[in-house]
Amino acid sequence: MMTDDGKPPAEVARHAVAGDCLENRGTHANPVLFTIPCGDTKADYKVMFSATAQGKCPPEFDEYTERGGLNGNTTLCMTQVHH
């Protein structure tokens, strides 16, 4: 499925896997993250791994937790993308 602009629809961060990049469409305090191509200049973060089982990322990573969903909470450990 494609949107009107010919791009695939945005995927929410809970579906992201290691190597995916994310755009923050919210604020730093209240992020709203969507998966986008890593080559996109709007990419803010790169997912390094999921810490869903542990619920916590090591301190050297930015952490994002999306609450709820069919499988419970999703926790992603990320690094910032520098353009």
PDB file of N, CA and C in Angstrom:
ATOM      1  N   MET A   1       0.838  -1.180   0.000  1.00  0.00           N
ATOM      2  CA  MET A   1       0.000   0.000   0.000  1.00  0.00           C
ATOM      3  C   MET A   1       0.888   1.251   0.000  1.00  0.00           C
ATOM      4  N   MET A   2       0.502   2.265  -0.756  1.00  0.00           N
ATOM      5  CA  MET A   2       1.234   3.524  -0.844  1.00  0.00           C
ATOM      6  C   MET A   2       0.309   4.681  -0.471  1.00  0.00           C
ATOM      7  N   THR A   3       0.904   5.776  -0.002  1.00  0.00           N
ATOM      8  CA  THR A   3       0.128   6.971   0.287  1.00  0.00           C
ATOM      9  C   THR A   3       0.017   7.798  -0.989  1.00  0.00           C
ATOM     10  N   ASP A   4      -0.686   8.919  -0.926  1.00  0.00           N
ATOM     11  CA  ASP A   4      -0.887   9.773  -2.102  1.00  0.00           C
ATOM     12  C   ASP A   4       0.417  10.300  -2.685  1.00  0.00           C
ATOM     13  N   ASP A   5       1.456  10.438  -1.846  1.00  0.00           N
ATOM     14  CA  ASP A   5       2.727  10.959  -2.351  1.00  0.00           C
ATOM     15  C   ASP A   5       3.642   9.853  -2.885  1.00  0.00           C
ATOM     16  N   GLY A   6       3.127   8.617  -2.958  1.00  0.00           N
ATOM     17  CA  GLY A   6       3.889   7.512  -3.521  1.00  0.00           C
ATOM     18  C   GLY A   6       4.810   6.820  -2.534  1.00  0.00           C
ATOM     19  N   LYS A   7       4.783   7.243  -1.268  1.00  0.00           N
ATOM     20  CA  LYS A   7       5.630   6.644  -0.240  1.00  0.00           C
ATOM     21  C   LYS A   7       4.821   5.637   0.572  1.00  0.00           C
ATOM     22  N   PRO A   8       5.475   4.625   1.131  1.00  0.00           N
ATOM     23  CA  PRO A   8       4.743   3.710   2.002  1.00  0.00           C
ATOM     24  C   PRO A   8       4.253   4.445   3.244  1.00  0.00           C
ATOM     25  N   PRO A   9       3.162   4.002   3.856  1.00  0.00           N
ATOM     26  CA  PRO A   9       2.660   4.680   5.055  1.00  0.00           C
ATOM     27  C   PRO A   9       3.668   4.574   6.203  1.00  0.00           C
ATOM     28  N   ALA A  10       3.646   5.565   7.081  1.00  0.00           N
ATOM     29  CA  ALA A  10       4.570   5.593   8.218  1.00  0.00           C
ATOM     30  C   ALA A  10       4.285   4.427   9.150  1.00  0.00           C
ATOM     31  N   GLU A  11       5.350   3.803   9.627  1.00  0.00           N
ATOM     32  CA  GLU A  11       5.240   2.724  10.598  1.00  0.00           C
ATOM     33  C   GLU A  11       5.580   3.297  11.970  1.00  0.00           C
ATOM     34  N   VAL A  12       4.810   2.922  12.977  1.00  0.00           N
ATOM     35  CA  VAL A  12       5.102   3.384  14.322  1.00  0.00           C
ATOM     36  C   VAL A  12       6.360   2.696  14.832  1.00  0.00           C
ATOM     37  N   ALA A  13       7.005   3.308  15.814  1.00  0.00           N
ATOM     38  CA  ALA A  13       8.294   2.829  16.318  1.00  0.00           C
ATOM     39  C   ALA A  13       8.217   1.418  16.883  1.00  0.00           C
ATOM     40  N   ARG A  14       7.077   0.996  17.401  1.00  0.00           N
ATOM     41  CA  ARG A  14       6.994  -0.333  18.010  1.00  0.00           C
ATOM     42  C   ARG A  14       7.326  -1.443  17.026  1.00  0.00           C
ATOM     43  N   HIS A  15       7.238  -1.182  15.724  1.00  0.00           N
ATOM     44  CA  HIS A  15       7.567  -2.182  14.715  1.00  0.00           C
ATOM     45  C   HIS A  15       9.021  -2.112  14.262  1.00  0.00           C
ATOM     46  N   ALA A  16       9.790  -1.162  14.801  1.00  0.00           N
ATOM     47  CA  ALA A  16      11.183  -0.982  14.385  1.00  0.00           C
ATOM     48  C   ALA A  16      12.058  -2.126  14.889  1.00  0.00           C
ATOM     49  N   VAL A  17      13.084  -2.426  14.108  1.00  0.00           N
ATOM     50  CA  VAL A  17      14.073  -3.440  14.473  1.00  0.00           C
ATOM     51  C   VAL A  17      15.461  -2.816  14.364  1.00  0.00           C
ATOM     52  N   ALA A  18      16.462  -3.518  14.857  1.00  0.00           N
ATOM     53  CA  ALA A  18      17.846  -3.031  14.796  1.00  0.00           C
ATOM     54  C   ALA A  18      18.201  -2.650  13.367  1.00  0.00           C
ATOM     55  N   GLY A  19      18.779  -1.460  13.200  1.00  0.00           N
ATOM     56  CA  GLY A  19      19.162  -0.966  11.884  1.00  0.00           C
ATOM     57  C   GLY A  19      18.163   0.000  11.283  1.00  0.00           C
ATOM     58  N   ASP A  20      16.933   0.027  11.809  1.00  0.00           N
ATOM     59  CA  ASP A  20      15.923   0.978  11.324  1.00  0.00           C
ATOM     60  C   ASP A  20      16.222   2.366  11.874  1.00  0.00           C
ATOM     61  N   CYS A  21      15.784   3.385  11.148  1.00  0.00           N
ATOM     62  CA  CYS A  21      15.916   4.765  11.610  1.00  0.00           C
ATOM     63  C   CYS A  21      14.540   5.326  11.926  1.00  0.00           C
ATOM     64  N   LEU A  22      14.530   6.302  12.834  1.00  0.00           N
ATOM     65  CA  LEU A  22      13.285   6.871  13.325  1.00  0.00           C
ATOM     66  C   LEU A  22      13.303   8.389  13.225  1.00  0.00           C
ATOM     67  N   GLU A  23      12.138   8.941  12.905  1.00  0.00           N
ATOM     68  CA  GLU A  23      11.933  10.391  12.908  1.00  0.00           C
ATOM     69  C   GLU A  23      11.061  10.729  14.105  1.00  0.00           C
ATOM     70  N   ASN A  24      11.448  11.753  14.862  1.00  0.00           N
ATOM     71  CA  ASN A  24      10.641  12.216  15.985  1.00  0.00           C
ATOM     72  C   ASN A  24       9.719  13.324  15.500  1.00  0.00           C
ATOM     73  N   ARG A  25       8.428  13.054  15.471  1.00  0.00           N
ATOM     74  CA  ARG A  25       7.438  14.053  15.048  1.00  0.00           C
ATOM     75  C   ARG A  25       6.790  14.727  16.243  1.00  0.00           C
ATOM     76  N   GLY A  26       7.290  14.422  17.424  1.00  0.00           N
ATOM     77  CA  GLY A  26       6.813  15.061  18.646  1.00  0.00           C
ATOM     78  C   GLY A  26       7.885  15.997  19.170  1.00  0.00           C
ATOM     79  N   THR A  27       8.051  16.020  20.483  1.00  0.00           N
ATOM     80  CA  THR A  27       9.079  16.833  21.123  1.00  0.00           C
ATOM     81  C   THR A  27      10.068  15.906  21.828  1.00  0.00           C
ATOM     82  N   HIS A  28      11.150  16.494  22.349  1.00  0.00           N
ATOM     83  CA  HIS A  28      12.105  15.685  23.091  1.00  0.00           C
ATOM     84  C   HIS A  28      11.444  15.098  24.340  1.00  0.00           C
ATOM     85  N   ALA A  29      10.625  15.899  25.012  1.00  0.00           N
ATOM     86  CA  ALA A  29       9.951  15.453  26.235  1.00  0.00           C
ATOM     87  C   ALA A  29       8.804  14.486  25.950  1.00  0.00           C
ATOM     88  N   ASN A  30       8.175  14.609  24.795  1.00  0.00           N
ATOM     89  CA  ASN A  30       7.038  13.768  24.436  1.00  0.00           C
ATOM     90  C   ASN A  30       7.223  13.289  22.992  1.00  0.00           C
ATOM     91  N   PRO A  31       8.164  12.346  22.764  1.00  0.00           N
ATOM     92  CA  PRO A  31       8.461  11.910  21.393  1.00  0.00           C
ATOM     93  C   PRO A  31       7.335  11.106  20.760  1.00  0.00           C
ATOM     94  N   VAL A  32       7.193  11.275  19.464  1.00  0.00           N
ATOM     95  CA  VAL A  32       6.289  10.478  18.642  1.00  0.00           C
ATOM     96  C   VAL A  32       7.148   9.996  17.477  1.00  0.00           C
ATOM     97  N   LEU A  33       7.588   8.735  17.550  1.00  0.00           N
ATOM     98  CA  LEU A  33       8.575   8.227  16.608  1.00  0.00           C
ATOM     99  C   LEU A  33       7.955   7.342  15.527  1.00  0.00           C
ATOM    100  N   PHE A  34       8.455   7.532  14.302  1.00  0.00           N
ATOM    101  CA  PHE A  34       8.027   6.739  13.150  1.00  0.00           C
ATOM    102  C   PHE A  34       9.254   6.232  12.414  1.00  0.00           C
ATOM    103  N   THR A  35       9.172   5.024  11.871  1.00  0.00           N
ATOM    104  CA  THR A  35      10.251   4.434  11.092  1.00  0.00           C
ATOM    105  C   THR A  35      10.320   5.101   9.727  1.00  0.00           C
ATOM    106  N   ILE A  36      11.534   5.540   9.341  1.00  0.00           N
ATOM    107  CA  ILE A  36      11.768   6.138   8.023  1.00  0.00           C
ATOM    108  C   ILE A  36      13.093   5.609   7.480  1.00  0.00           C
ATOM    109  N   PRO A  37      13.366   5.791   6.192  1.00  0.00           N
ATOM    110  CA  PRO A  37      14.656   5.339   5.643  1.00  0.00           C
ATOM    111  C   PRO A  37      15.819   6.077   6.309  1.00  0.00           C
ATOM    112  N   CYS A  38      16.908   5.370   6.556  1.00  0.00           N
ATOM    113  CA  CYS A  38      18.073   5.973   7.218  1.00  0.00           C
ATOM    114  C   CYS A  38      18.721   7.071   6.381  1.00  0.00           C
ATOM    115  N   GLY A  39      18.558   7.042   5.066  1.00  0.00           N
ATOM    116  CA  GLY A  39      19.114   8.073   4.204  1.00  0.00           C
ATOM    117  C   GLY A  39      18.324   9.365   4.216  1.00  0.00           C
ATOM    118  N   ASP A  40      17.144   9.360   4.821  1.00  0.00           N
ATOM    119  CA  ASP A  40      16.287  10.547   4.891  1.00  0.00           C
ATOM    120  C   ASP A  40      16.900  11.552   5.862  1.00  0.00           C
ATOM    121  N   THR A  41      16.959  12.816   5.477  1.00  0.00           N
ATOM    122  CA  THR A  41      17.533  13.852   6.337  1.00  0.00           C
ATOM    123  C   THR A  41      16.701  14.098   7.594  1.00  0.00           C
ATOM    124  N   LYS A  42      15.475  13.590   7.639  1.00  0.00           N
ATOM    125  CA  LYS A  42      14.624  13.745   8.820  1.00  0.00           C
ATOM    126  C   LYS A  42      14.883  12.668   9.873  1.00  0.00           C
ATOM    127  N   ALA A  43      15.745  11.698   9.561  1.00  0.00           N
ATOM    128  CA  ALA A  43      16.050  10.627  10.522  1.00  0.00           C
ATOM    129  C   ALA A  43      16.752  11.219  11.738  1.00  0.00           C
ATOM    130  N   ASP A  44      16.194  10.981  12.913  1.00  0.00           N
ATOM    131  CA  ASP A  44      16.756  11.502  14.159  1.00  0.00           C
ATOM    132  C   ASP A  44      17.534  10.439  14.935  1.00  0.00           C
ATOM    133  N   TYR A  45      17.086   9.183  14.856  1.00  0.00           N
ATOM    134  CA  TYR A  45      17.672   8.100  15.638  1.00  0.00           C
ATOM    135  C   TYR A  45      17.833   6.847  14.800  1.00  0.00           C
ATOM    136  N   LYS A  46      18.809   6.020  15.192  1.00  0.00           N
ATOM    137  CA  LYS A  46      18.982   4.695  14.596  1.00  0.00           C
ATOM    138  C   LYS A  46      18.822   3.676  15.719  1.00  0.00           C
ATOM    139  N   VAL A  47      17.963   2.679  15.487  1.00  0.00           N
ATOM    140  CA  VAL A  47      17.732   1.631  16.482  1.00  0.00           C
ATOM    141  C   VAL A  47      18.931   0.689  16.480  1.00  0.00           C
ATOM    142  N   MET A  48      19.524   0.513  17.646  1.00  0.00           N
ATOM    143  CA  MET A  48      20.668  -0.385  17.775  1.00  0.00           C
ATOM    144  C   MET A  48      20.205  -1.786  18.183  1.00  0.00           C
ATOM    145  N   PHE A  49      19.253  -1.852  19.121  1.00  0.00           N
ATOM    146  CA  PHE A  49      18.662  -3.130  19.514  1.00  0.00           C
ATOM    147  C   PHE A  49      17.432  -2.880  20.372  1.00  0.00           C
ATOM    148  N   SER A  50      16.665  -3.934  20.585  1.00  0.00           N
ATOM    149  CA  SER A  50      15.481  -3.872  21.429  1.00  0.00           C
ATOM    150  C   SER A  50      15.849  -4.339  22.826  1.00  0.00           C
ATOM    151  N   ALA A  51      15.405  -3.605  23.821  1.00  0.00           N
ATOM    152  CA  ALA A  51      15.620  -4.000  25.214  1.00  0.00           C
ATOM    153  C   ALA A  51      14.283  -4.341  25.855  1.00  0.00           C
ATOM    154  N   THR A  52      13.326  -4.760  25.035  1.00  0.00           N
ATOM    155  CA  THR A  52      11.986  -5.045  25.542  1.00  0.00           C
ATOM    156  C   THR A  52      12.029  -6.073  26.663  1.00  0.00           C
ATOM    157  N   ALA A  53      12.818  -7.125  26.531  1.00  0.00           N
ATOM    158  CA  ALA A  53      12.879  -8.166  27.561  1.00  0.00           C
ATOM    159  C   ALA A  53      13.455  -7.630  28.871  1.00  0.00           C
ATOM    160  N   GLN A  54      14.485  -6.772  28.775  1.00  0.00           N
ATOM    161  CA  GLN A  54      15.114  -6.211  29.970  1.00  0.00           C
ATOM    162  C   GLN A  54      14.386  -4.973  30.478  1.00  0.00           C
ATOM    163  N   GLY A  55      13.714  -4.264  29.576  1.00  0.00           N
ATOM    164  CA  GLY A  55      12.995  -3.049  29.932  1.00  0.00           C
ATOM    165  C   GLY A  55      13.872  -1.831  30.129  1.00  0.00           C
ATOM    166  N   LYS A  56      15.181  -1.947  29.916  1.00  0.00           N
ATOM    167  CA  LYS A  56      16.100  -0.837  30.150  1.00  0.00           C
ATOM    168  C   LYS A  56      17.275  -0.923  29.185  1.00  0.00           C
ATOM    169  N   CYS A  57      17.739   0.238  28.703  1.00  0.00           N
ATOM    170  CA  CYS A  57      18.904   0.300  27.822  1.00  0.00           C
ATOM    171  C   CYS A  57      20.143   0.652  28.637  1.00  0.00           C
ATOM    172  N   PRO A  58      21.326   0.243  28.176  1.00  0.00           N
ATOM    173  CA  PRO A  58      22.563   0.705  28.813  1.00  0.00           C
ATOM    174  C   PRO A  58      22.626   2.232  28.736  1.00  0.00           C
ATOM    175  N   PRO A  59      23.343   2.883  29.660  1.00  0.00           N
ATOM    176  CA  PRO A  59      23.337   4.351  29.730  1.00  0.00           C
ATOM    177  C   PRO A  59      23.893   5.060  28.508  1.00  0.00           C
ATOM    178  N   GLU A  60      24.687   4.394  27.683  1.00  0.00           N
ATOM    179  CA  GLU A  60      25.258   5.067  26.506  1.00  0.00           C
ATOM    180  C   GLU A  60      24.265   5.202  25.352  1.00  0.00           C
ATOM    181  N   PHE A  61      23.052   4.654  25.494  1.00  0.00           N
ATOM    182  CA  PHE A  61      22.036   4.724  24.445  1.00  0.00           C
ATOM    183  C   PHE A  61      20.862   5.591  24.879  1.00  0.00           C
ATOM    184  N   ASP A  62      20.218   6.227  23.882  1.00  0.00           N
ATOM    185  CA  ASP A  62      18.934   6.873  24.133  1.00  0.00           C
ATOM    186  C   ASP A  62      17.896   5.763  24.206  1.00  0.00           C
ATOM    187  N   GLU A  63      16.928   5.928  25.068  1.00  0.00           N
ATOM    188  CA  GLU A  63      15.913   4.897  25.276  1.00  0.00           C
ATOM    189  C   GLU A  63      14.535   5.436  24.924  1.00  0.00           C
ATOM    190  N   TYR A  64      13.762   4.617  24.247  1.00  0.00           N
ATOM    191  CA  TYR A  64      12.381   4.974  23.915  1.00  0.00           C
ATOM    192  C   TYR A  64      11.499   3.787  24.270  1.00  0.00           C
ATOM    193  N   THR A  65      10.450   4.031  25.054  1.00  0.00           N
ATOM    194  CA  THR A  65       9.502   2.980  25.401  1.00  0.00           C
ATOM    195  C   THR A  65       8.126   3.386  24.924  1.00  0.00           C
ATOM    196  N   GLU A  66       7.520   2.508  24.147  1.00  0.00           N
ATOM    197  CA  GLU A  66       6.148   2.700  23.689  1.00  0.00           C
ATOM    198  C   GLU A  66       5.278   1.751  24.500  1.00  0.00           C
ATOM    199  N   ARG A  67       4.328   2.301  25.204  1.00  0.00           N
ATOM    200  CA  ARG A  67       3.509   1.519  26.124  1.00  0.00           C
ATOM    201  C   ARG A  67       2.295   0.914  25.425  1.00  0.00           C
ATOM    202  N   GLY A  68       1.889  -0.241  25.921  1.00  0.00           N
ATOM    203  CA  GLY A  68       0.679  -0.896  25.416  1.00  0.00           C
ATOM    204  C   GLY A  68       0.936  -1.721  24.180  1.00  0.00           C
ATOM    205  N   GLY A  69      -0.121  -2.016  23.461  1.00  0.00           N
ATOM    206  CA  GLY A  69      -0.007  -2.844  22.267  1.00  0.00           C
ATOM    207  C   GLY A  69      -0.322  -4.299  22.591  1.00  0.00           C
ATOM    208  N   LEU A  70      -0.434  -5.101  21.573  1.00  0.00           N
ATOM    209  CA  LEU A  70      -0.785  -6.506  21.745  1.00  0.00           C
ATOM    210  C   LEU A  70       0.260  -7.286  22.531  1.00  0.00           C
ATOM    211  N   ASN A  71       1.525  -6.927  22.366  1.00  0.00           N
ATOM    212  CA  ASN A  71       2.601  -7.649  23.039  1.00  0.00           C
ATOM    213  C   ASN A  71       3.162  -6.885  24.238  1.00  0.00           C
ATOM    214  N   GLY A  72       2.446  -5.895  24.731  1.00  0.00           N
ATOM    215  CA  GLY A  72       2.925  -5.110  25.867  1.00  0.00           C
ATOM    216  C   GLY A  72       3.812  -3.964  25.433  1.00  0.00           C
ATOM    217  N   ASN A  73       4.682  -3.520  26.329  1.00  0.00           N
ATOM    218  CA  ASN A  73       5.566  -2.392  26.062  1.00  0.00           C
ATOM    219  C   ASN A  73       6.699  -2.783  25.125  1.00  0.00           C
ATOM    220  N   THR A  74       7.171  -1.803  24.338  1.00  0.00           N
ATOM    221  CA  THR A  74       8.320  -1.972  23.470  1.00  0.00           C
ATOM    222  C   THR A  74       9.383  -0.966  23.893  1.00  0.00           C
ATOM    223  N   THR A  75      10.601  -1.427  24.155  1.00  0.00           N
ATOM    224  CA  THR A  75      11.705  -0.549  24.525  1.00  0.00           C
ATOM    225  C   THR A  75      12.809  -0.670  23.490  1.00  0.00           C
ATOM    226  N   LEU A  76      13.187   0.461  22.893  1.00  0.00           N
ATOM    227  CA  LEU A  76      14.239   0.504  21.866  1.00  0.00           C
ATOM    228  C   LEU A  76      15.437   1.274  22.380  1.00  0.00           C
ATOM    229  N   CYS A  77      16.625   0.748  22.095  1.00  0.00           N
ATOM    230  CA  CYS A  77      17.877   1.429  22.432  1.00  0.00           C
ATOM    231  C   CYS A  77      18.417   2.031  21.145  1.00  0.00           C
ATOM    232  N   MET A  78      18.687   3.346  21.154  1.00  0.00           N
ATOM    233  CA  MET A  78      18.980   4.069  19.927  1.00  0.00           C
ATOM    234  C   MET A  78      20.190   4.974  20.086  1.00  0.00           C
ATOM    235  N   THR A  79      20.753   5.376  18.961  1.00  0.00           N
ATOM    236  CA  THR A  79      21.766   6.422  18.915  1.00  0.00           C
ATOM    237  C   THR A  79      21.237   7.524  18.006  1.00  0.00           C
ATOM    238  N   GLN A  80      21.713   8.743  18.228  1.00  0.00           N
ATOM    239  CA  GLN A  80      21.296   9.851  17.381  1.00  0.00           C
ATOM    240  C   GLN A  80      21.967   9.742  16.022  1.00  0.00           C
ATOM    241  N   VAL A  81      21.235  10.139  14.968  1.00  0.00           N
ATOM    242  CA  VAL A  81      21.774  10.179  13.620  1.00  0.00           C
ATOM    243  C   VAL A  81      22.333  11.579  13.400  1.00  0.00           C
ATOM    244  N   HIS A  82      23.575  11.651  12.974  1.00  0.00           N
ATOM    245  CA  HIS A  82      24.211  12.940  12.693  1.00  0.00           C
ATOM    246  C   HIS A  82      24.330  13.101  11.192  1.00  0.00           C
ATOM    247  N   HIS A  83      23.728  14.149  10.666  1.00  0.00           N
ATOM    248  CA  HIS A  83      23.728  14.382   9.212  1.00  0.00           C
ATOM    249  C   HIS A  83      24.857  15.301   8.825  1.00  0.00           C
TER     250      HIS A  83
END
